[in-house]
Amino acid sequence: MPTAIDRTQRKILIVDDSAFEQRVLVDLLSELPYKVSVAFNGLQGYQLALANLPDLILLDVRMPNMDGYTACRLLKANPVTHDIPVIFLSGADADEERIMGLSIGGVDYVSKPFSPGELAARIQVHLNLARRASDRGQQASNDAEPVSKAAGSVADSEPDAVTVAAVKRLIDDNLATLPGLAEIARSVGTYREKLSQIFREQTGMTVFAFIREARIRRGEELLRDTDMDVQDIALLIGFNNAGNFATAFRERTGITPSAFRSANHQRKTPQA
């Protein structure tokens, strides 16, 4: 017997540049209680997601103009679309591609060719999980004092703010292996000069200044919360060696990494 959730028509957005793959997915989903819409590339998919707020997105990875990873970064950086579950679909089954998809916000990664029954089951699982999370959030909101979020939500979902938020997350997640500025810009669907302009407008600093601050901030966390060797910390956050890290850290904080760690350990040690 179908449940209340099964009887509710949920909205599924398919983003795939292959007309054949789209037909396969539409034929599969048309037999289920879903309302289906389609997009042919990542940018169109992102725009349709903003306009229609689907309950779940099936997102191909490799597409022209804007790939699935870029689209997902924008979806997860925008508060309007952040909570929409994204299932990646890809012909590539390499571990690094799966890890990438999951690390940037996908809830699942399904390799092509896929089993229709398995994909349908995964879709239902993630729809149900999203519904439960939404119900819990709504209950928590009802229990809390009313807070007006309209102005903040509008500001946070402006295109430039979304792009900058996506860049910040990309930087924080890849401090050790950051690409050049041009590649960072491509990873969020823009170009180097535009990114430099809007990043400075939105944050008051350059992308490189933010990267430096992010690396020092992560270094402080690792020095404070772990016993990792300073050399290992330096490599983990994107410095070539401990000496370069120590120089940048001292310029930013006024003390060396070792002195910072020692001072924090002394504060944590109970006095006799």
C-alpha atoms as a PDB file:
ATOM      1  CA  MET A   1       0.000   0.000   0.000  1.00  0.00           C
ATOM      2  CA  PRO A   2       1.494   3.398  -0.979  1.00  0.00           C
ATOM      3  CA  THR A   3       2.335   5.740   1.845  1.00  0.00           C
ATOM      4  CA  ALA A   4       1.428   9.418   2.064  1.00  0.00           C
ATOM      5  CA  ILE A   5       4.922  10.233   0.804  1.00  0.00           C
ATOM      6  CA  ASP A   6       4.502   7.867  -2.156  1.00  0.00           C
ATOM      7  CA  ARG A   7       1.216   9.527  -3.147  1.00  0.00           C
ATOM      8  CA  THR A   8       2.725  13.013  -3.112  1.00  0.00           C
ATOM      9  CA  GLN A   9       4.022  14.049  -6.498  1.00  0.00           C
ATOM     10  CA  ARG A  10       7.628  15.107  -6.044  1.00  0.00           C
ATOM     11  CA  LYS A  11       9.583  17.255  -8.493  1.00  0.00           C
ATOM     12  CA  ILE A  12      12.709  15.751 -10.072  1.00  0.00           C
ATOM     13  CA  LEU A  13      15.107  17.806 -12.210  1.00  0.00           C
ATOM     14  CA  ILE A  14      17.255  15.902 -14.734  1.00  0.00           C
ATOM     15  CA  VAL A  15      20.404  17.715 -15.896  1.00  0.00           C
ATOM     16  CA  ASP A  16      22.134  15.873 -18.744  1.00  0.00           C
ATOM     17  CA  ASP A  17      23.430  17.014 -22.137  1.00  0.00           C
ATOM     18  CA  SER A  18      22.560  13.693 -23.776  1.00  0.00           C
ATOM     19  CA  ALA A  19      19.051  13.563 -25.260  1.00  0.00           C
ATOM     20  CA  PHE A  20      19.220   9.759 -25.137  1.00  0.00           C
ATOM     21  CA  GLU A  21      20.105   9.722 -21.425  1.00  0.00           C
ATOM     22  CA  GLN A  22      17.318  12.207 -20.761  1.00  0.00           C
ATOM     23  CA  ARG A  23      14.774   9.961 -22.487  1.00  0.00           C
ATOM     24  CA  VAL A  24      15.935   6.946 -20.497  1.00  0.00           C
ATOM     25  CA  LEU A  25      15.532   8.846 -17.225  1.00  0.00           C
ATOM     26  CA  VAL A  26      12.214  10.432 -18.193  1.00  0.00           C
ATOM     27  CA  ASP A  27      10.816   7.032 -19.206  1.00  0.00           C
ATOM     28  CA  LEU A  28      11.932   5.559 -15.884  1.00  0.00           C
ATOM     29  CA  LEU A  29      10.550   8.376 -13.747  1.00  0.00           C
ATOM     30  CA  SER A  30       7.302   8.727 -15.698  1.00  0.00           C
ATOM     31  CA  GLU A  31       6.241   5.369 -14.250  1.00  0.00           C
ATOM     32  CA  LEU A  32       6.670   6.793 -10.739  1.00  0.00           C
ATOM     33  CA  PRO A  33       4.761   9.573  -8.936  1.00  0.00           C
ATOM     34  CA  TYR A  34       7.190  12.313  -9.978  1.00  0.00           C
ATOM     35  CA  LYS A  35       6.899  15.527 -11.944  1.00  0.00           C
ATOM     36  CA  VAL A  36       9.977  15.656 -14.191  1.00  0.00           C
ATOM     37  CA  SER A  37      11.767  18.606 -15.783  1.00  0.00           C
ATOM     38  CA  VAL A  38      14.991  18.565 -17.827  1.00  0.00           C
ATOM     39  CA  ALA A  39      17.999  20.771 -18.519  1.00  0.00           C
ATOM     40  CA  PHE A  40      20.830  20.294 -21.021  1.00  0.00           C
ATOM     41  CA  ASN A  41      23.791  21.754 -19.097  1.00  0.00           C
ATOM     42  CA  GLY A  42      24.850  22.793 -15.632  1.00  0.00           C
ATOM     43  CA  LEU A  43      23.986  26.471 -15.964  1.00  0.00           C
ATOM     44  CA  GLN A  44      20.484  25.758 -17.266  1.00  0.00           C
ATOM     45  CA  GLY A  45      20.050  23.191 -14.508  1.00  0.00           C
ATOM     46  CA  TYR A  46      21.111  25.674 -11.833  1.00  0.00           C
ATOM     47  CA  GLN A  47      18.735  28.303 -13.206  1.00  0.00           C
ATOM     48  CA  LEU A  48      15.829  25.826 -13.375  1.00  0.00           C
ATOM     49  CA  ALA A  49      16.554  24.703  -9.827  1.00  0.00           C
ATOM     50  CA  LEU A  50      16.311  28.309  -8.641  1.00  0.00           C
ATOM     51  CA  ALA A  51      13.068  28.842 -10.532  1.00  0.00           C
ATOM     52  CA  ASN A  52      11.304  25.555  -9.740  1.00  0.00           C
ATOM     53  CA  LEU A  53      12.912  24.326  -6.484  1.00  0.00           C
ATOM     54  CA  PRO A  54      12.812  20.608  -7.310  1.00  0.00           C
ATOM     55  CA  ASP A  55      12.784  18.027  -4.540  1.00  0.00           C
ATOM     56  CA  LEU A  56      15.801  16.224  -6.027  1.00  0.00           C
ATOM     57  CA  ILE A  57      18.280  16.734  -8.861  1.00  0.00           C
ATOM     58  CA  LEU A  58      19.840  14.035 -11.066  1.00  0.00           C
ATOM     59  CA  LEU A  59      23.036  15.704 -12.264  1.00  0.00           C
ATOM     60  CA  ASP A  60      25.336  14.461 -15.006  1.00  0.00           C
ATOM     61  CA  VAL A  61      29.008  15.188 -14.372  1.00  0.00           C
ATOM     62  CA  ARG A  62      30.484  15.859 -17.800  1.00  0.00           C
ATOM     63  CA  MET A  63      28.618  18.499 -19.787  1.00  0.00           C
ATOM     64  CA  PRO A  64      29.698  21.409 -22.007  1.00  0.00           C
ATOM     65  CA  ASN A  65      29.703  25.043 -20.822  1.00  0.00           C
ATOM     66  CA  MET A  66      29.168  24.153 -17.154  1.00  0.00           C
ATOM     67  CA  ASP A  67      29.792  20.674 -15.793  1.00  0.00           C
ATOM     68  CA  GLY A  68      27.949  18.983 -12.961  1.00  0.00           C
ATOM     69  CA  TYR A  69      30.572  19.728 -10.328  1.00  0.00           C
ATOM     70  CA  THR A  70      30.379  23.467 -11.034  1.00  0.00           C
ATOM     71  CA  ALA A  71      26.589  23.422 -10.953  1.00  0.00           C
ATOM     72  CA  CYS A  72      26.633  21.551  -7.641  1.00  0.00           C
ATOM     73  CA  ARG A  73      29.037  24.068  -6.097  1.00  0.00           C
ATOM     74  CA  LEU A  74      26.624  26.874  -6.996  1.00  0.00           C
ATOM     75  CA  LEU A  75      23.596  24.933  -5.765  1.00  0.00           C
ATOM     76  CA  LYS A  76      25.236  24.276  -2.411  1.00  0.00           C
ATOM     77  CA  ALA A  77      26.489  27.855  -2.077  1.00  0.00           C
ATOM     78  CA  ASN A  78      23.005  29.299  -2.579  1.00  0.00           C
ATOM     79  CA  PRO A  79      20.752  29.168   0.529  1.00  0.00           C
ATOM     80  CA  VAL A  80      17.712  28.844  -1.742  1.00  0.00           C
ATOM     81  CA  THR A  81      18.930  25.542  -3.255  1.00  0.00           C
ATOM     82  CA  HIS A  82      21.398  24.337  -0.625  1.00  0.00           C
ATOM     83  CA  ASP A  83      19.152  21.613   0.813  1.00  0.00           C
ATOM     84  CA  ILE A  84      18.058  20.051  -2.494  1.00  0.00           C
ATOM     85  CA  PRO A  85      19.605  16.552  -2.676  1.00  0.00           C
ATOM     86  CA  VAL A  86      21.857  16.033  -5.690  1.00  0.00           C
ATOM     87  CA  ILE A  87      22.542  12.571  -7.109  1.00  0.00           C
ATOM     88  CA  PHE A  88      25.446  12.558  -9.561  1.00  0.00           C
ATOM     89  CA  LEU A  89      25.179  10.365 -12.652  1.00  0.00           C
ATOM     90  CA  SER A  90      28.383   9.621 -14.543  1.00  0.00           C
ATOM     91  CA  GLY A  91      29.894   7.253 -17.033  1.00  0.00           C
ATOM     92  CA  ALA A  92      33.153   7.487 -15.097  1.00  0.00           C
ATOM     93  CA  ASP A  93      33.510   5.180 -12.111  1.00  0.00           C
ATOM     94  CA  ALA A  94      36.887   6.378 -10.834  1.00  0.00           C
ATOM     95  CA  ASP A  95      37.228   6.744  -7.093  1.00  0.00           C
ATOM     96  CA  GLU A  96      38.466  10.319  -7.373  1.00  0.00           C
ATOM     97  CA  GLU A  97      35.344  11.339  -9.301  1.00  0.00           C
ATOM     98  CA  ARG A  98      33.080   9.756  -6.696  1.00  0.00           C
ATOM     99  CA  ILE A  99      35.001  11.453  -3.909  1.00  0.00           C
ATOM    100  CA  MET A 100      34.785  14.796  -5.698  1.00  0.00           C
ATOM    101  CA  GLY A 101      31.025  14.497  -6.188  1.00  0.00           C
ATOM    102  CA  LEU A 102      30.370  13.598  -2.574  1.00  0.00           C
ATOM    103  CA  SER A 103      32.818  16.139  -1.146  1.00  0.00           C
ATOM    104  CA  ILE A 104      31.171  19.094  -2.888  1.00  0.00           C
ATOM    105  CA  GLY A 105      27.707  18.216  -1.645  1.00  0.00           C
ATOM    106  CA  GLY A 106      26.237  15.321  -3.619  1.00  0.00           C
ATOM    107  CA  VAL A 107      24.229  12.841  -1.562  1.00  0.00           C
ATOM    108  CA  ASP A 108      24.961   9.946  -3.920  1.00  0.00           C
ATOM    109  CA  TYR A 109      26.944   8.985  -7.029  1.00  0.00           C
ATOM    110  CA  VAL A 110      25.530   6.507  -9.525  1.00  0.00           C
ATOM    111  CA  SER A 111      27.610   5.132 -12.387  1.00  0.00           C
ATOM    112  CA  LYS A 112      26.227   4.692 -15.900  1.00  0.00           C
ATOM    113  CA  PRO A 113      24.915   2.363 -17.103  1.00  0.00           C
ATOM    114  CA  PHE A 114      22.753   2.087 -14.023  1.00  0.00           C
ATOM    115  CA  SER A 115      20.108  -0.362 -12.914  1.00  0.00           C
ATOM    116  CA  PRO A 116      16.700   1.368 -13.229  1.00  0.00           C
ATOM    117  CA  GLY A 117      15.427  -0.357 -10.125  1.00  0.00           C
ATOM    118  CA  GLU A 118      18.476   0.637  -8.077  1.00  0.00           C
ATOM    119  CA  LEU A 119      18.319   4.259  -9.240  1.00  0.00           C
ATOM    120  CA  ALA A 120      14.608   4.455  -8.437  1.00  0.00           C
ATOM    121  CA  ALA A 121      15.312   3.070  -4.958  1.00  0.00           C
ATOM    122  CA  ARG A 122      18.127   5.548  -4.342  1.00  0.00           C
ATOM    123  CA  ILE A 123      15.906   8.433  -5.446  1.00  0.00           C
ATOM    124  CA  GLN A 124      13.168   7.354  -3.056  1.00  0.00           C
ATOM    125  CA  VAL A 125      15.609   6.944  -0.178  1.00  0.00           C
ATOM    126  CA  HIS A 126      17.032  10.443  -0.601  1.00  0.00           C
ATOM    127  CA  LEU A 127      13.596  12.012  -1.070  1.00  0.00           C
ATOM    128  CA  ASN A 128      12.462  10.433   2.174  1.00  0.00           C
ATOM    129  CA  LEU A 129      15.612  11.538   3.999  1.00  0.00           C
ATOM    130  CA  ALA A 130      15.176  15.081   2.711  1.00  0.00           C
ATOM    131  CA  ARG A 131      11.523  15.099   3.779  1.00  0.00           C
ATOM    132  CA  ARG A 132      12.416  13.988   7.295  1.00  0.00           C
ATOM    133  CA  ALA A 133      15.189  16.586   7.543  1.00  0.00           C
ATOM    134  CA  SER A 134      12.761  19.263   6.348  1.00  0.00           C
ATOM    135  CA  ASP A 135      10.145  18.182   8.893  1.00  0.00           C
ATOM    136  CA  ARG A 136      12.717  18.337  11.695  1.00  0.00           C
ATOM    137  CA  GLY A 137      13.850  21.766  10.567  1.00  0.00           C
ATOM    138  CA  GLN A 138      10.282  23.017  10.395  1.00  0.00           C
ATOM    139  CA  GLN A 139       9.577  21.726  13.877  1.00  0.00           C
ATOM    140  CA  ALA A 140      12.702  23.397  15.232  1.00  0.00           C
ATOM    141  CA  SER A 141      11.678  26.629  13.518  1.00  0.00           C
ATOM    142  CA  ASN A 142       8.205  26.449  15.035  1.00  0.00           C
ATOM    143  CA  ASP A 143       9.688  25.872  18.491  1.00  0.00           C
ATOM    144  CA  ALA A 144      12.064  28.823  18.202  1.00  0.00           C
ATOM    145  CA  GLU A 145      11.156  32.482  18.432  1.00  0.00           C
ATOM    146  CA  PRO A 146      10.124  33.969  15.078  1.00  0.00           C
ATOM    147  CA  VAL A 147      13.027  35.566  13.229  1.00  0.00           C
ATOM    148  CA  SER A 148      12.742  37.578  10.046  1.00  0.00           C
ATOM    149  CA  LYS A 149      15.149  36.082   7.486  1.00  0.00           C
ATOM    150  CA  ALA A 150      13.759  37.546   4.298  1.00  0.00           C
ATOM    151  CA  ALA A 151      16.311  40.314   3.829  1.00  0.00           C
ATOM    152  CA  GLY A 152      19.288  38.091   4.613  1.00  0.00           C
ATOM    153  CA  SER A 153      18.038  35.301   2.353  1.00  0.00           C
ATOM    154  CA  VAL A 154      17.655  37.654  -0.588  1.00  0.00           C
ATOM    155  CA  ALA A 155      21.112  39.124  -0.072  1.00  0.00           C
ATOM    156  CA  ASP A 156      22.756  35.738   0.383  1.00  0.00           C
ATOM    157  CA  SER A 157      21.223  34.356  -2.815  1.00  0.00           C
ATOM    158  CA  GLU A 158      22.400  37.194  -5.095  1.00  0.00           C
ATOM    159  CA  PRO A 159      24.459  35.711  -7.961  1.00  0.00           C
ATOM    160  CA  ASP A 160      27.746  37.377  -6.984  1.00  0.00           C
ATOM    161  CA  ALA A 161      27.330  36.376  -3.332  1.00  0.00           C
ATOM    162  CA  VAL A 162      26.622  32.777  -4.372  1.00  0.00           C
ATOM    163  CA  THR A 163      29.720  32.695  -6.578  1.00  0.00           C
ATOM    164  CA  VAL A 164      31.917  34.046  -3.787  1.00  0.00           C
ATOM    165  CA  ALA A 165      30.442  31.573  -1.281  1.00  0.00           C
ATOM    166  CA  ALA A 166      31.199  28.734  -3.711  1.00  0.00           C
ATOM    167  CA  VAL A 167      34.783  29.936  -4.102  1.00  0.00           C
ATOM    168  CA  LYS A 168      35.263  30.141  -0.333  1.00  0.00           C
ATOM    169  CA  ARG A 169      34.094  26.576   0.093  1.00  0.00           C
ATOM    170  CA  LEU A 170      36.277  25.362  -2.776  1.00  0.00           C
ATOM    171  CA  ILE A 171      39.296  27.058  -1.181  1.00  0.00           C
ATOM    172  CA  ASP A 172      38.581  25.692   2.295  1.00  0.00           C
ATOM    173  CA  ASP A 173      38.177  22.162   0.910  1.00  0.00           C
ATOM    174  CA  ASN A 174      41.354  22.207  -1.215  1.00  0.00           C
ATOM    175  CA  LEU A 175      43.967  24.234   0.662  1.00  0.00           C
ATOM    176  CA  ALA A 176      46.753  21.766  -0.102  1.00  0.00           C
ATOM    177  CA  THR A 177      46.075  21.457  -3.838  1.00  0.00           C
ATOM    178  CA  LEU A 178      44.534  24.719  -4.968  1.00  0.00           C
ATOM    179  CA  PRO A 179      44.653  25.377  -8.713  1.00  0.00           C
ATOM    180  CA  GLY A 180      45.412  28.778 -10.211  1.00  0.00           C
ATOM    181  CA  LEU A 181      42.931  31.636 -10.155  1.00  0.00           C
ATOM    182  CA  ALA A 182      41.715  30.962 -13.692  1.00  0.00           C
ATOM    183  CA  GLU A 183      40.859  27.355 -12.818  1.00  0.00           C
ATOM    184  CA  ILE A 184      39.191  28.413  -9.561  1.00  0.00           C
ATOM    185  CA  ALA A 185      37.037  30.813 -11.582  1.00  0.00           C
ATOM    186  CA  ARG A 186      36.111  28.100 -14.098  1.00  0.00           C
ATOM    187  CA  SER A 187      35.181  25.806 -11.217  1.00  0.00           C
ATOM    188  CA  VAL A 188      32.376  28.187 -10.206  1.00  0.00           C
ATOM    189  CA  GLY A 189      31.233  29.110 -13.705  1.00  0.00           C
ATOM    190  CA  THR A 190      32.986  32.434 -14.247  1.00  0.00           C
ATOM    191  CA  TYR A 191      36.324  33.826 -15.466  1.00  0.00           C
ATOM    192  CA  ARG A 192      39.402  35.167 -13.719  1.00  0.00           C
ATOM    193  CA  GLU A 193      38.835  38.911 -14.116  1.00  0.00           C
ATOM    194  CA  LYS A 194      35.173  38.722 -13.115  1.00  0.00           C
ATOM    195  CA  LEU A 195      35.949  36.608 -10.067  1.00  0.00           C
ATOM    196  CA  SER A 196      38.680  39.005  -8.929  1.00  0.00           C
ATOM    197  CA  GLN A 197      36.268  41.918  -9.197  1.00  0.00           C
ATOM    198  CA  ILE A 198      33.280  40.407  -7.398  1.00  0.00           C
ATOM    199  CA  PHE A 199      35.420  38.743  -4.727  1.00  0.00           C
ATOM    200  CA  ARG A 200      36.945  42.070  -3.770  1.00  0.00           C
ATOM    201  CA  GLU A 201      33.525  43.746  -3.844  1.00  0.00           C
ATOM    202  CA  GLN A 202      31.952  41.066  -1.664  1.00  0.00           C
ATOM    203  CA  THR A 203      34.777  40.499   0.834  1.00  0.00           C
ATOM    204  CA  GLY A 204      37.037  43.544   0.706  1.00  0.00           C
ATOM    205  CA  MET A 205      40.060  41.354  -0.090  1.00  0.00           C
ATOM    206  CA  THR A 206      41.602  39.579  -3.050  1.00  0.00           C
ATOM    207  CA  VAL A 207      41.201  35.850  -3.635  1.00  0.00           C
ATOM    208  CA  PHE A 208      44.879  35.352  -2.794  1.00  0.00           C
ATOM    209  CA  ALA A 209      44.525  37.285   0.465  1.00  0.00           C
ATOM    210  CA  PHE A 210      41.569  35.075   1.410  1.00  0.00           C
ATOM    211  CA  ILE A 211      43.583  31.947   0.582  1.00  0.00           C
ATOM    212  CA  ARG A 212      46.410  33.154   2.815  1.00  0.00           C
ATOM    213  CA  GLU A 213      43.983  33.884   5.663  1.00  0.00           C
ATOM    214  CA  ALA A 214      42.271  30.517   5.211  1.00  0.00           C
ATOM    215  CA  ARG A 215      45.582  28.662   5.351  1.00  0.00           C
ATOM    216  CA  ILE A 216      46.724  30.471   8.492  1.00  0.00           C
ATOM    217  CA  ARG A 217      43.329  29.930  10.124  1.00  0.00           C
ATOM    218  CA  ARG A 218      43.442  26.199   9.361  1.00  0.00           C
ATOM    219  CA  GLY A 219      47.023  26.088  10.580  1.00  0.00           C
ATOM    220  CA  GLU A 220      45.956  27.614  13.896  1.00  0.00           C
ATOM    221  CA  GLU A 221      43.234  24.981  14.261  1.00  0.00           C
ATOM    222  CA  LEU A 222      45.633  22.114  13.576  1.00  0.00           C
ATOM    223  CA  LEU A 223      48.297  23.500  15.910  1.00  0.00           C
ATOM    224  CA  ARG A 224      45.732  23.936  18.654  1.00  0.00           C
ATOM    225  CA  ASP A 225      43.721  20.738  18.252  1.00  0.00           C
ATOM    226  CA  THR A 226      46.244  18.132  17.033  1.00  0.00           C
ATOM    227  CA  ASP A 227      49.783  16.928  17.729  1.00  0.00           C
ATOM    228  CA  MET A 228      50.720  16.875  14.041  1.00  0.00           C
ATOM    229  CA  ASP A 229      54.266  17.855  13.164  1.00  0.00           C
ATOM    230  CA  VAL A 230      54.607  21.447  11.923  1.00  0.00           C
ATOM    231  CA  GLN A 231      56.049  20.181   8.632  1.00  0.00           C
ATOM    232  CA  ASP A 232      53.003  17.948   8.076  1.00  0.00           C
ATOM    233  CA  ILE A 233      50.646  20.819   8.886  1.00  0.00           C
ATOM    234  CA  ALA A 234      52.487  23.045   6.427  1.00  0.00           C
ATOM    235  CA  LEU A 235      52.058  20.532   3.604  1.00  0.00           C
ATOM    236  CA  LEU A 236      48.428  19.851   4.517  1.00  0.00           C
ATOM    237  CA  ILE A 237      47.444  23.514   4.190  1.00  0.00           C
ATOM    238  CA  GLY A 238      49.367  24.263   1.017  1.00  0.00           C
ATOM    239  CA  PHE A 239      52.848  25.450   2.022  1.00  0.00           C
ATOM    240  CA  ASN A 240      55.931  23.911   0.420  1.00  0.00           C
ATOM    241  CA  ASN A 241      57.736  23.453   3.718  1.00  0.00           C
ATOM    242  CA  ALA A 242      57.681  24.300   7.403  1.00  0.00           C
ATOM    243  CA  GLY A 243      59.919  27.333   6.903  1.00  0.00           C
ATOM    244  CA  ASN A 244      57.511  29.034   4.499  1.00  0.00           C
ATOM    245  CA  PHE A 245      54.619  28.246   6.823  1.00  0.00           C
ATOM    246  CA  ALA A 246      56.480  29.632   9.844  1.00  0.00           C
ATOM    247  CA  THR A 247      57.316  32.864   8.017  1.00  0.00           C
ATOM    248  CA  ALA A 248      53.717  33.429   6.866  1.00  0.00           C
ATOM    249  CA  PHE A 249      52.347  32.449  10.269  1.00  0.00           C
ATOM    250  CA  ARG A 250      54.661  34.836  12.127  1.00  0.00           C
ATOM    251  CA  GLU A 251      53.821  37.694   9.748  1.00  0.00           C
ATOM    252  CA  ARG A 252      50.106  37.136  10.375  1.00  0.00           C
ATOM    253  CA  THR A 253      50.070  36.347  14.112  1.00  0.00           C
ATOM    254  CA  GLY A 254      53.301  37.798  15.459  1.00  0.00           C
ATOM    255  CA  ILE A 255      54.577  34.452  16.798  1.00  0.00           C
ATOM    256  CA  THR A 256      55.937  31.210  15.362  1.00  0.00           C
ATOM    257  CA  PRO A 257      53.791  28.086  14.986  1.00  0.00           C
ATOM    258  CA  SER A 258      55.729  26.374  17.781  1.00  0.00           C
ATOM    259  CA  ALA A 259      55.209  29.316  20.131  1.00  0.00           C
ATOM    260  CA  PHE A 260      51.511  29.401  19.278  1.00  0.00           C
ATOM    261  CA  ARG A 261      51.156  25.689  20.052  1.00  0.00           C
ATOM    262  CA  SER A 262      53.111  26.013  23.284  1.00  0.00           C
ATOM    263  CA  ALA A 263      50.988  28.927  24.475  1.00  0.00           C
ATOM    264  CA  ASN A 264      47.770  27.014  23.764  1.00  0.00           C
ATOM    265  CA  HIS A 265      49.014  23.891  25.548  1.00  0.00           C
ATOM    266  CA  GLN A 266      49.894  25.963  28.604  1.00  0.00           C
ATOM    267  CA  ARG A 267      46.396  27.428  28.710  1.00  0.00           C
ATOM    268  CA  LYS A 268      44.903  23.922  28.524  1.00  0.00           C
ATOM    269  CA  THR A 269      47.157  22.506  31.279  1.00  0.00           C
ATOM    270  CA  PRO A 270      45.523  22.698  34.727  1.00  0.00           C
ATOM    271  CA  GLN A 271      47.544  24.748  37.184  1.00  0.00           C
ATOM    272  CA  ALA A 272      48.747  22.958  40.325  1.00  0.00           C
END
